[in-house]
Amino acid sequence: MMENLIFYRFDIISMAKVYVIHEWDDTQKDQALKFFNGLVDMAKGKKLPKGFKLEKLNVDEANKTAVCEWEVPSMQDLANVASQMGITWKVKMISPVTKYEHKLL
């Protein structure tokens, strides 16, 4: 009976939800928008680093702000990759804890 048992190994990988808030000034607008278009192309083309998933990108051109919602191995991993991207505008990374979420039944 024991020879019929199958054992499965599951590796549980803990992912971090990270929001990246980008803010630019008028002189950086073209560079920032080009960056976001390239980021979307990378996400659609599955060319992001292994383990990185861009969940959502919201851009508010009028307020010169964008918010990227990421699922990544860690905030530090995202910071390491971001440091290589040539970003020259203000960037803030946060990983908030959800206190409430409305769900439809």
PDB file of N, CA and C in Angstrom:
ATOM      1  N   MET A   1       0.820  -1.197   0.000  1.00  0.00           N
ATOM      2  CA  MET A   1       0.000   0.000   0.000  1.00  0.00           C
ATOM      3  C   MET A   1       0.860   1.254   0.000  1.00  0.00           C
ATOM      4  N   MET A   2       1.942   1.288   0.739  1.00  0.00           N
ATOM      5  CA  MET A   2       2.805   2.457   0.824  1.00  0.00           C
ATOM      6  C   MET A   2       3.422   2.807  -0.521  1.00  0.00           C
ATOM      7  N   GLU A   3       3.679   1.813  -1.382  1.00  0.00           N
ATOM      8  CA  GLU A   3       4.317   2.101  -2.659  1.00  0.00           C
ATOM      9  C   GLU A   3       3.410   2.890  -3.604  1.00  0.00           C
ATOM     10  N   ASN A   4       2.124   2.971  -3.312  1.00  0.00           N
ATOM     11  CA  ASN A   4       1.183   3.716  -4.144  1.00  0.00           C
ATOM     12  C   ASN A   4       1.030   5.179  -3.722  1.00  0.00           C
ATOM     13  N   LEU A   5       1.676   5.561  -2.655  1.00  0.00           N
ATOM     14  CA  LEU A   5       1.576   6.939  -2.196  1.00  0.00           C
ATOM     15  C   LEU A   5       2.432   7.855  -3.068  1.00  0.00           C
ATOM     16  N   ILE A   6       1.890   8.988  -3.375  1.00  0.00           N
ATOM     17  CA  ILE A   6       2.614   9.994  -4.144  1.00  0.00           C
ATOM     18  C   ILE A   6       2.802  11.203  -3.247  1.00  0.00           C
ATOM     19  N   PHE A   7       3.998  11.686  -3.188  1.00  0.00           N
ATOM     20  CA  PHE A   7       4.295  12.854  -2.381  1.00  0.00           C
ATOM     21  C   PHE A   7       4.507  14.052  -3.292  1.00  0.00           C
ATOM     22  N   TYR A   8       3.900  15.139  -2.917  1.00  0.00           N
ATOM     23  CA  TYR A   8       4.049  16.378  -3.673  1.00  0.00           C
ATOM     24  C   TYR A   8       4.804  17.378  -2.823  1.00  0.00           C
ATOM     25  N   ARG A   9       5.636  18.133  -3.484  1.00  0.00           N
ATOM     26  CA  ARG A   9       6.363  19.195  -2.795  1.00  0.00           C
ATOM     27  C   ARG A   9       5.847  20.527  -3.321  1.00  0.00           C
ATOM     28  N   PHE A  10       5.397  21.353  -2.428  1.00  0.00           N
ATOM     29  CA  PHE A  10       4.913  22.675  -2.798  1.00  0.00           C
ATOM     30  C   PHE A  10       5.828  23.716  -2.176  1.00  0.00           C
ATOM     31  N   ASP A  11       6.392  24.545  -3.011  1.00  0.00           N
ATOM     32  CA  ASP A  11       7.180  25.666  -2.517  1.00  0.00           C
ATOM     33  C   ASP A  11       6.259  26.862  -2.425  1.00  0.00           C
ATOM     34  N   ILE A  12       6.110  27.389  -1.241  1.00  0.00           N
ATOM     35  CA  ILE A  12       5.258  28.555  -1.042  1.00  0.00           C
ATOM     36  C   ILE A  12       6.146  29.786  -1.114  1.00  0.00           C
ATOM     37  N   ILE A  13       5.848  30.608  -2.088  1.00  0.00           N
ATOM     38  CA  ILE A  13       6.623  31.823  -2.277  1.00  0.00           C
ATOM     39  C   ILE A  13       5.789  32.989  -1.790  1.00  0.00           C
ATOM     40  N   SER A  14       6.324  33.700  -0.847  1.00  0.00           N
ATOM     41  CA  SER A  14       5.625  34.857  -0.312  1.00  0.00           C
ATOM     42  C   SER A  14       5.911  36.053  -1.209  1.00  0.00           C
ATOM     43  N   MET A  15       4.860  36.655  -1.715  1.00  0.00           N
ATOM     44  CA  MET A  15       4.999  37.818  -2.586  1.00  0.00           C
ATOM     45  C   MET A  15       4.561  39.059  -1.813  1.00  0.00           C
ATOM     46  N   ALA A  16       5.105  40.182  -2.197  1.00  0.00           N
ATOM     47  CA  ALA A  16       4.769  41.454  -1.555  1.00  0.00           C
ATOM     48  C   ALA A  16       3.961  42.311  -2.521  1.00  0.00           C
ATOM     49  N   LYS A  17       2.917  42.934  -2.016  1.00  0.00           N
ATOM     50  CA  LYS A  17       2.140  43.913  -2.779  1.00  0.00           C
ATOM     51  C   LYS A  17       2.770  45.269  -2.497  1.00  0.00           C
ATOM     52  N   VAL A  18       3.268  45.904  -3.548  1.00  0.00           N
ATOM     53  CA  VAL A  18       3.961  47.186  -3.398  1.00  0.00           C
ATOM     54  C   VAL A  18       3.341  48.198  -4.352  1.00  0.00           C
ATOM     55  N   TYR A  19       3.086  49.376  -3.819  1.00  0.00           N
ATOM     56  CA  TYR A  19       2.600  50.487  -4.632  1.00  0.00           C
ATOM     57  C   TYR A  19       3.759  51.461  -4.803  1.00  0.00           C
ATOM     58  N   VAL A  20       3.981  51.877  -6.046  1.00  0.00           N
ATOM     59  CA  VAL A  20       5.039  52.840  -6.333  1.00  0.00           C
ATOM     60  C   VAL A  20       4.373  54.115  -6.832  1.00  0.00           C
ATOM     61  N   ILE A  21       4.617  55.204  -6.125  1.00  0.00           N
ATOM     62  CA  ILE A  21       4.021  56.497  -6.468  1.00  0.00           C
ATOM     63  C   ILE A  21       5.094  57.333  -7.157  1.00  0.00           C
ATOM     64  N   HIS A  22       4.812  57.706  -8.401  1.00  0.00           N
ATOM     65  CA  HIS A  22       5.732  58.508  -9.207  1.00  0.00           C
ATOM     66  C   HIS A  22       5.187  59.923  -9.296  1.00  0.00           C
ATOM     67  N   GLU A  23       6.041  60.915  -9.095  1.00  0.00           N
ATOM     68  CA  GLU A  23       5.662  62.325  -9.257  1.00  0.00           C
ATOM     69  C   GLU A  23       6.755  63.015 -10.060  1.00  0.00           C
ATOM     70  N   TRP A  24       6.353  63.734 -11.101  1.00  0.00           N
ATOM     71  CA  TRP A  24       7.319  64.407 -11.958  1.00  0.00           C
ATOM     72  C   TRP A  24       6.941  65.862 -12.143  1.00  0.00           C
ATOM     73  N   ASP A  25       7.898  66.644 -12.641  1.00  0.00           N
ATOM     74  CA  ASP A  25       7.599  68.044 -12.949  1.00  0.00           C
ATOM     75  C   ASP A  25       7.446  68.187 -14.465  1.00  0.00           C
ATOM     76  N   ASP A  26       7.124  69.382 -14.904  1.00  0.00           N
ATOM     77  CA  ASP A  26       6.849  69.616 -16.326  1.00  0.00           C
ATOM     78  C   ASP A  26       8.022  69.236 -17.223  1.00  0.00           C
ATOM     79  N   THR A  27       9.234  69.444 -16.753  1.00  0.00           N
ATOM     80  CA  THR A  27      10.402  69.141 -17.583  1.00  0.00           C
ATOM     81  C   THR A  27      10.634  67.636 -17.743  1.00  0.00           C
ATOM     82  N   GLN A  28      10.023  66.816 -16.879  1.00  0.00           N
ATOM     83  CA  GLN A  28      10.215  65.364 -16.908  1.00  0.00           C
ATOM     84  C   GLN A  28       9.029  64.626 -17.519  1.00  0.00           C
ATOM     85  N   LYS A  29       7.992  65.348 -17.917  1.00  0.00           N
ATOM     86  CA  LYS A  29       6.751  64.721 -18.374  1.00  0.00           C
ATOM     87  C   LYS A  29       6.984  63.741 -19.519  1.00  0.00           C
ATOM     88  N   ASP A  30       7.654  64.173 -20.579  1.00  0.00           N
ATOM     89  CA  ASP A  30       7.857  63.296 -21.734  1.00  0.00           C
ATOM     90  C   ASP A  30       8.640  62.045 -21.360  1.00  0.00           C
ATOM     91  N   GLN A  31       9.682  62.219 -20.563  1.00  0.00           N
ATOM     92  CA  GLN A  31      10.494  61.085 -20.130  1.00  0.00           C
ATOM     93  C   GLN A  31       9.669  60.120 -19.271  1.00  0.00           C
ATOM     94  N   ALA A  32       8.861  60.658 -18.371  1.00  0.00           N
ATOM     95  CA  ALA A  32       8.042  59.815 -17.497  1.00  0.00           C
ATOM     96  C   ALA A  32       7.009  59.030 -18.303  1.00  0.00           C
ATOM     97  N   LEU A  33       6.303  59.702 -19.202  1.00  0.00           N
ATOM     98  CA  LEU A  33       5.273  59.021 -19.992  1.00  0.00           C
ATOM     99  C   LEU A  33       5.886  57.968 -20.910  1.00  0.00           C
ATOM    100  N   LYS A  34       7.064  58.253 -21.448  1.00  0.00           N
ATOM    101  CA  LYS A  34       7.771  57.261 -22.267  1.00  0.00           C
ATOM    102  C   LYS A  34       8.133  56.046 -21.406  1.00  0.00           C
ATOM    103  N   PHE A  35       8.574  56.305 -20.188  1.00  0.00           N
ATOM    104  CA  PHE A  35       8.907  55.224 -19.259  1.00  0.00           C
ATOM    105  C   PHE A  35       7.689  54.340 -18.990  1.00  0.00           C
ATOM    106  N   PHE A  36       6.533  54.961 -18.712  1.00  0.00           N
ATOM    107  CA  PHE A  36       5.335  54.182 -18.399  1.00  0.00           C
ATOM    108  C   PHE A  36       4.860  53.376 -19.606  1.00  0.00           C
ATOM    109  N   ASN A  37       4.938  53.953 -20.797  1.00  0.00           N
ATOM    110  CA  ASN A  37       4.569  53.208 -22.004  1.00  0.00           C
ATOM    111  C   ASN A  37       5.483  52.004 -22.195  1.00  0.00           C
ATOM    112  N   GLY A  38       6.771  52.186 -21.947  1.00  0.00           N
ATOM    113  CA  GLY A  38       7.712  51.078 -22.039  1.00  0.00           C
ATOM    114  C   GLY A  38       7.450  50.014 -20.991  1.00  0.00           C
ATOM    115  N   LEU A  39       7.078  50.441 -19.796  1.00  0.00           N
ATOM    116  CA  LEU A  39       6.765  49.509 -18.717  1.00  0.00           C
ATOM    117  C   LEU A  39       5.542  48.661 -19.071  1.00  0.00           C
ATOM    118  N   VAL A  40       4.528  49.301 -19.632  1.00  0.00           N
ATOM    119  CA  VAL A  40       3.327  48.571 -20.062  1.00  0.00           C
ATOM    120  C   VAL A  40       3.691  47.572 -21.157  1.00  0.00           C
ATOM    121  N   ASP A  41       4.514  47.988 -22.107  1.00  0.00           N
ATOM    122  CA  ASP A  41       4.946  47.074 -23.172  1.00  0.00           C
ATOM    123  C   ASP A  41       5.689  45.874 -22.599  1.00  0.00           C
ATOM    124  N   MET A  42       6.556  46.117 -21.615  1.00  0.00           N
ATOM    125  CA  MET A  42       7.279  45.014 -20.976  1.00  0.00           C
ATOM    126  C   MET A  42       6.318  44.061 -20.274  1.00  0.00           C
ATOM    127  N   ALA A  43       5.334  44.606 -19.566  1.00  0.00           N
ATOM    128  CA  ALA A  43       4.368  43.765 -18.849  1.00  0.00           C
ATOM    129  C   ALA A  43       3.546  42.936 -19.831  1.00  0.00           C
ATOM    130  N   LYS A  44       3.060  43.571 -20.890  1.00  0.00           N
ATOM    131  CA  LYS A  44       2.250  42.858 -21.889  1.00  0.00           C
ATOM    132  C   LYS A  44       3.075  41.804 -22.624  1.00  0.00           C
ATOM    133  N   GLY A  45       4.352  42.111 -22.857  1.00  0.00           N
ATOM    134  CA  GLY A  45       5.228  41.181 -23.559  1.00  0.00           C
ATOM    135  C   GLY A  45       5.890  40.162 -22.652  1.00  0.00           C
ATOM    136  N   LYS A  46       5.501  40.149 -21.385  1.00  0.00           N
ATOM    137  CA  LYS A  46       6.046  39.227 -20.381  1.00  0.00           C
ATOM    138  C   LYS A  46       7.572  39.322 -20.308  1.00  0.00           C
ATOM    139  N   LYS A  47       8.065  40.562 -20.312  1.00  0.00           N
ATOM    140  CA  LYS A  47       9.503  40.805 -20.271  1.00  0.00           C
ATOM    141  C   LYS A  47       9.960  41.419 -18.952  1.00  0.00           C
ATOM    142  N   LEU A  48       9.106  41.360 -17.952  1.00  0.00           N
ATOM    143  CA  LEU A  48       9.491  41.840 -16.623  1.00  0.00           C
ATOM    144  C   LEU A  48      10.387  40.798 -15.967  1.00  0.00           C
ATOM    145  N   PRO A  49      11.186  41.183 -14.988  1.00  0.00           N
ATOM    146  CA  PRO A  49      12.020  40.201 -14.291  1.00  0.00           C
ATOM    147  C   PRO A  49      11.167  39.080 -13.688  1.00  0.00           C
ATOM    148  N   LYS A  50      11.768  37.899 -13.604  1.00  0.00           N
ATOM    149  CA  LYS A  50      11.073  36.735 -13.052  1.00  0.00           C
ATOM    150  C   LYS A  50      10.539  37.052 -11.659  1.00  0.00           C
ATOM    151  N   GLY A  51       9.265  36.737 -11.439  1.00  0.00           N
ATOM    152  CA  GLY A  51       8.640  36.964 -10.144  1.00  0.00           C
ATOM    153  C   GLY A  51       7.999  38.330 -10.000  1.00  0.00           C
ATOM    154  N   PHE A  52       8.130  39.187 -11.008  1.00  0.00           N
ATOM    155  CA  PHE A  52       7.561  40.532 -10.969  1.00  0.00           C
ATOM    156  C   PHE A  52       6.288  40.572 -11.796  1.00  0.00           C
ATOM    157  N   LYS A  53       5.240  41.134 -11.211  1.00  0.00           N
ATOM    158  CA  LYS A  53       3.967  41.265 -11.920  1.00  0.00           C
ATOM    159  C   LYS A  53       3.429  42.678 -11.709  1.00  0.00           C
ATOM    160  N   LEU A  54       3.265  43.396 -12.810  1.00  0.00           N
ATOM    161  CA  LEU A  54       2.650  44.716 -12.749  1.00  0.00           C
ATOM    162  C   LEU A  54       1.146  44.501 -12.772  1.00  0.00           C
ATOM    163  N   GLU A  55       0.501  44.710 -11.634  1.00  0.00           N
ATOM    164  CA  GLU A  55      -0.939  44.483 -11.513  1.00  0.00           C
ATOM    165  C   GLU A  55      -1.742  45.605 -12.161  1.00  0.00           C
ATOM    166  N   LYS A  56      -1.284  46.839 -11.960  1.00  0.00           N
ATOM    167  CA  LYS A  56      -2.052  47.989 -12.427  1.00  0.00           C
ATOM    168  C   LYS A  56      -1.136  49.197 -12.520  1.00  0.00           C
ATOM    169  N   LEU A  57      -1.423  50.054 -13.504  1.00  0.00           N
ATOM    170  CA  LEU A  57      -0.711  51.322 -13.642  1.00  0.00           C
ATOM    171  C   LEU A  57      -1.744  52.404 -13.886  1.00  0.00           C
ATOM    172  N   ASN A  58      -1.830  53.348 -12.971  1.00  0.00           N
ATOM    173  CA  ASN A  58      -2.740  54.492 -13.099  1.00  0.00           C
ATOM    174  C   ASN A  58      -1.902  55.746 -13.290  1.00  0.00           C
ATOM    175  N   VAL A  59      -2.225  56.517 -14.331  1.00  0.00           N
ATOM    176  CA  VAL A  59      -1.498  57.752 -14.619  1.00  0.00           C
ATOM    177  C   VAL A  59      -2.474  58.913 -14.578  1.00  0.00           C
ATOM    178  N   ASP A  60      -2.122  59.951 -13.833  1.00  0.00           N
ATOM    179  CA  ASP A  60      -2.899  61.190 -13.764  1.00  0.00           C
ATOM    180  C   ASP A  60      -1.992  62.310 -14.273  1.00  0.00           C
ATOM    181  N   GLU A  61      -2.047  62.539 -15.592  1.00  0.00           N
ATOM    182  CA  GLU A  61      -1.157  63.534 -16.203  1.00  0.00           C
ATOM    183  C   GLU A  61      -1.391  64.930 -15.639  1.00  0.00           C
ATOM    184  N   ALA A  62      -2.645  65.282 -15.365  1.00  0.00           N
ATOM    185  CA  ALA A  62      -2.961  66.621 -14.861  1.00  0.00           C
ATOM    186  C   ALA A  62      -2.270  66.902 -13.528  1.00  0.00           C
ATOM    187  N   ASN A  63      -2.137  65.880 -12.705  1.00  0.00           N
ATOM    188  CA  ASN A  63      -1.479  66.041 -11.402  1.00  0.00           C
ATOM    189  C   ASN A  63      -0.039  65.537 -11.398  1.00  0.00           C
ATOM    190  N   LYS A  64       0.445  65.164 -12.575  1.00  0.00           N
ATOM    191  CA  LYS A  64       1.839  64.729 -12.744  1.00  0.00           C
ATOM    192  C   LYS A  64       2.192  63.599 -11.783  1.00  0.00           C
ATOM    193  N   THR A  65       1.295  62.619 -11.728  1.00  0.00           N
ATOM    194  CA  THR A  65       1.452  61.511 -10.785  1.00  0.00           C
ATOM    195  C   THR A  65       1.027  60.203 -11.437  1.00  0.00           C
ATOM    196  N   ALA A  66       1.713  59.138 -11.081  1.00  0.00           N
ATOM    197  CA  ALA A  66       1.322  57.798 -11.511  1.00  0.00           C
ATOM    198  C   ALA A  66       1.485  56.855 -10.324  1.00  0.00           C
ATOM    199  N   VAL A  67       0.649  55.819 -10.301  1.00  0.00           N
ATOM    200  CA  VAL A  67       0.732  54.807  -9.249  1.00  0.00           C
ATOM    201  C   VAL A  67       0.800  53.441  -9.917  1.00  0.00           C
ATOM    202  N   CYS A  68       1.867  52.714  -9.629  1.00  0.00           N
ATOM    203  CA  CYS A  68       2.024  51.347 -10.120  1.00  0.00           C
ATOM    204  C   CYS A  68       1.726  50.397  -8.964  1.00  0.00           C
ATOM    205  N   GLU A  69       0.920  49.400  -9.242  1.00  0.00           N
ATOM    206  CA  GLU A  69       0.632  48.360  -8.248  1.00  0.00           C
ATOM    207  C   GLU A  69       1.364  47.098  -8.686  1.00  0.00           C
ATOM    208  N   TRP A  70       2.278  46.649  -7.860  1.00  0.00           N
ATOM    209  CA  TRP A  70       3.141  45.514  -8.178  1.00  0.00           C
ATOM    210  C   TRP A  70       2.904  44.339  -7.240  1.00  0.00           C
ATOM    211  N   GLU A  71       3.168  43.153  -7.735  1.00  0.00           N
ATOM    212  CA  GLU A  71       3.319  41.957  -6.912  1.00  0.00           C
ATOM    213  C   GLU A  71       4.739  41.478  -7.192  1.00  0.00           C
ATOM    214  N   VAL A  72       5.571  41.525  -6.167  1.00  0.00           N
ATOM    215  CA  VAL A  72       7.002  41.264  -6.329  1.00  0.00           C
ATOM    216  C   VAL A  72       7.513  40.379  -5.191  1.00  0.00           C
ATOM    217  N   PRO A  73       8.686  39.764  -5.381  1.00  0.00           N
ATOM    218  CA  PRO A  73       9.239  38.951  -4.298  1.00  0.00           C
ATOM    219  C   PRO A  73       9.469  39.757  -3.022  1.00  0.00           C
ATOM    220  N   SER A  74       9.940  40.995  -3.161  1.00  0.00           N
ATOM    221  CA  SER A  74      10.125  41.862  -1.993  1.00  0.00           C
ATOM    222  C   SER A  74      10.233  43.309  -2.458  1.00  0.00           C
ATOM    223  N   MET A  75       9.986  44.237  -1.533  1.00  0.00           N
ATOM    224  CA  MET A  75      10.131  45.647  -1.862  1.00  0.00           C
ATOM    225  C   MET A  75      11.584  45.948  -2.229  1.00  0.00           C
ATOM    226  N   GLN A  76      12.519  45.307  -1.554  1.00  0.00           N
ATOM    227  CA  GLN A  76      13.940  45.532  -1.848  1.00  0.00           C
ATOM    228  C   GLN A  76      14.290  45.074  -3.260  1.00  0.00           C
ATOM    229  N   ASP A  77      13.736  43.937  -3.696  1.00  0.00           N
ATOM    230  CA  ASP A  77      13.974  43.472  -5.069  1.00  0.00           C
ATOM    231  C   ASP A  77      13.473  44.497  -6.080  1.00  0.00           C
ATOM    232  N   LEU A  78      12.296  45.058  -5.820  1.00  0.00           N
ATOM    233  CA  LEU A  78      11.747  46.077  -6.714  1.00  0.00           C
ATOM    234  C   LEU A  78      12.625  47.324  -6.700  1.00  0.00           C
ATOM    235  N   ALA A  79      13.090  47.727  -5.535  1.00  0.00           N
ATOM    236  CA  ALA A  79      13.968  48.895  -5.431  1.00  0.00           C
ATOM    237  C   ALA A  79      15.269  48.667  -6.199  1.00  0.00           C
ATOM    238  N   ASN A  80      15.809  47.459  -6.133  1.00  0.00           N
ATOM    239  CA  ASN A  80      17.043  47.143  -6.858  1.00  0.00           C
ATOM    240  C   ASN A  80      16.845  47.258  -8.365  1.00  0.00           C
ATOM    241  N   VAL A  81      15.737  46.729  -8.865  1.00  0.00           N
ATOM    242  CA  VAL A  81      15.445  46.815 -10.300  1.00  0.00           C
ATOM    243  C   VAL A  81      15.193  48.268 -10.692  1.00  0.00           C
ATOM    244  N   ALA A  82      14.418  48.978  -9.884  1.00  0.00           N
ATOM    245  CA  ALA A  82      14.080  50.373 -10.192  1.00  0.00           C
ATOM    246  C   ALA A  82      15.329  51.246 -10.264  1.00  0.00           C
ATOM    247  N   SER A  83      16.327  50.942  -9.452  1.00  0.00           N
ATOM    248  CA  SER A  83      17.548  51.755  -9.438  1.00  0.00           C
ATOM    249  C   SER A  83      18.312  51.667 -10.757  1.00  0.00           C
ATOM    250  N   GLN A  84      18.011  50.659 -11.559  1.00  0.00           N
ATOM    251  CA  GLN A  84      18.674  50.469 -12.847  1.00  0.00           C
ATOM    252  C   GLN A  84      17.880  51.055 -14.012  1.00  0.00           C
ATOM    253  N   MET A  85      16.719  51.643 -13.730  1.00  0.00           N
ATOM    254  CA  MET A  85      15.814  52.081 -14.791  1.00  0.00           C
ATOM    255  C   MET A  85      16.001  53.538 -15.214  1.00  0.00           C
ATOM    256  N   GLY A  86      16.894  54.268 -14.610  1.00  0.00           N
ATOM    257  CA  GLY A  86      17.152  55.644 -15.010  1.00  0.00           C
ATOM    258  C   GLY A  86      16.039  56.618 -14.667  1.00  0.00           C
ATOM    259  N   ILE A  87      15.323  56.351 -13.601  1.00  0.00           N
ATOM    260  CA  ILE A  87      14.236  57.236 -13.165  1.00  0.00           C
ATOM    261  C   ILE A  87      14.848  58.472 -12.514  1.00  0.00           C
ATOM    262  N   THR A  88      14.415  59.649 -12.970  1.00  0.00           N
ATOM    263  CA  THR A  88      14.978  60.904 -12.452  1.00  0.00           C
ATOM    264  C   THR A  88      13.967  61.718 -11.655  1.00  0.00           C
ATOM    265  N   TRP A  89      12.731  61.244 -11.555  1.00  0.00           N
ATOM    266  CA  TRP A  89      11.693  61.974 -10.835  1.00  0.00           C
ATOM    267  C   TRP A  89      11.485  61.352  -9.458  1.00  0.00           C
ATOM    268  N   LYS A  90      10.646  61.965  -8.660  1.00  0.00           N
ATOM    269  CA  LYS A  90      10.380  61.515  -7.292  1.00  0.00           C
ATOM    270  C   LYS A  90       9.601  60.195  -7.316  1.00  0.00           C
ATOM    271  N   VAL A  91      10.088  59.236  -6.533  1.00  0.00           N
ATOM    272  CA  VAL A  91       9.451  57.920  -6.440  1.00  0.00           C
ATOM    273  C   VAL A  91       9.353  57.536  -4.969  1.00  0.00           C
ATOM    274  N   LYS A  92       8.188  57.029  -4.580  1.00  0.00           N
ATOM    275  CA  LYS A  92       7.985  56.543  -3.210  1.00  0.00           C
ATOM    276  C   LYS A  92       7.356  55.158  -3.290  1.00  0.00           C
ATOM    277  N   MET A  93       7.928  54.195  -2.567  1.00  0.00           N
ATOM    278  CA  MET A  93       7.393  52.833  -2.518  1.00  0.00           C
ATOM    279  C   MET A  93       6.732  52.610  -1.171  1.00  0.00           C
ATOM    280  N   ILE A  94       5.536  52.038  -1.216  1.00  0.00           N
ATOM    281  CA  ILE A  94       4.831  51.706   0.021  1.00  0.00           C
ATOM    282  C   ILE A  94       4.262  50.299  -0.090  1.00  0.00           C
ATOM    283  N   SER A  95       4.115  49.645   1.034  1.00  0.00           N
ATOM    284  CA  SER A  95       3.508  48.316   1.093  1.00  0.00           C
ATOM    285  C   SER A  95       2.495  48.322   2.235  1.00  0.00           C
ATOM    286  N   PRO A  96       1.330  48.950   1.990  1.00  0.00           N
ATOM    287  CA  PRO A  96       0.355  49.120   3.068  1.00  0.00           C
ATOM    288  C   PRO A  96      -0.350  47.818   3.440  1.00  0.00           C
ATOM    289  N   VAL A  97      -0.874  47.808   4.639  1.00  0.00           N
ATOM    290  CA  VAL A  97      -1.689  46.698   5.130  1.00  0.00           C
ATOM    291  C   VAL A  97      -3.152  47.071   4.906  1.00  0.00           C
ATOM    292  N   THR A  98      -3.913  46.176   4.296  1.00  0.00           N
ATOM    293  CA  THR A  98      -5.330  46.433   4.039  1.00  0.00           C
ATOM    294  C   THR A  98      -6.111  46.333   5.343  1.00  0.00           C
ATOM    295  N   LYS A  99      -6.798  47.407   5.695  1.00  0.00           N
ATOM    296  CA  LYS A  99      -7.625  47.432   6.902  1.00  0.00           C
ATOM    297  C   LYS A  99      -9.091  47.163   6.581  1.00  0.00           C
ATOM    298  N   TYR A 100      -9.485  47.455   5.348  1.00  0.00           N
ATOM    299  CA  TYR A 100     -10.863  47.206   4.933  1.00  0.00           C
ATOM    300  C   TYR A 100     -10.899  47.086   3.422  1.00  0.00           C
ATOM    301  N   GLU A 101     -11.705  46.147   2.946  1.00  0.00           N
ATOM    302  CA  GLU A 101     -11.916  45.993   1.513  1.00  0.00           C
ATOM    303  C   GLU A 101     -13.357  45.554   1.294  1.00  0.00           C
ATOM    304  N   HIS A 102     -14.090  46.322   0.518  1.00  0.00           N
ATOM    305  CA  HIS A 102     -15.478  45.987   0.205  1.00  0.00           C
ATOM    306  C   HIS A 102     -15.485  44.890  -0.851  1.00  0.00           C
ATOM    307  N   LYS A 103     -16.196  43.830  -0.600  1.00  0.00           N
ATOM    308  CA  LYS A 103     -16.288  42.728  -1.558  1.00  0.00           C
ATOM    309  C   LYS A 103     -17.748  42.457  -1.859  1.00  0.00           C
ATOM    310  N   LEU A 104     -18.015  42.267  -3.128  1.00  0.00           N
ATOM    311  CA  LEU A 104     -19.370  41.897  -3.537  1.00  0.00           C
ATOM    312  C   LEU A 104     -19.569  40.412  -3.303  1.00  0.00           C
ATOM    313  N   LEU A 105     -20.755  40.054  -2.860  1.00  0.00           N
ATOM    314  CA  LEU A 105     -21.037  38.634  -2.611  1.00  0.00           C
ATOM    315  C   LEU A 105     -21.600  37.979  -3.826  1.00  0.00           C
TER     316      LEU A 105
END
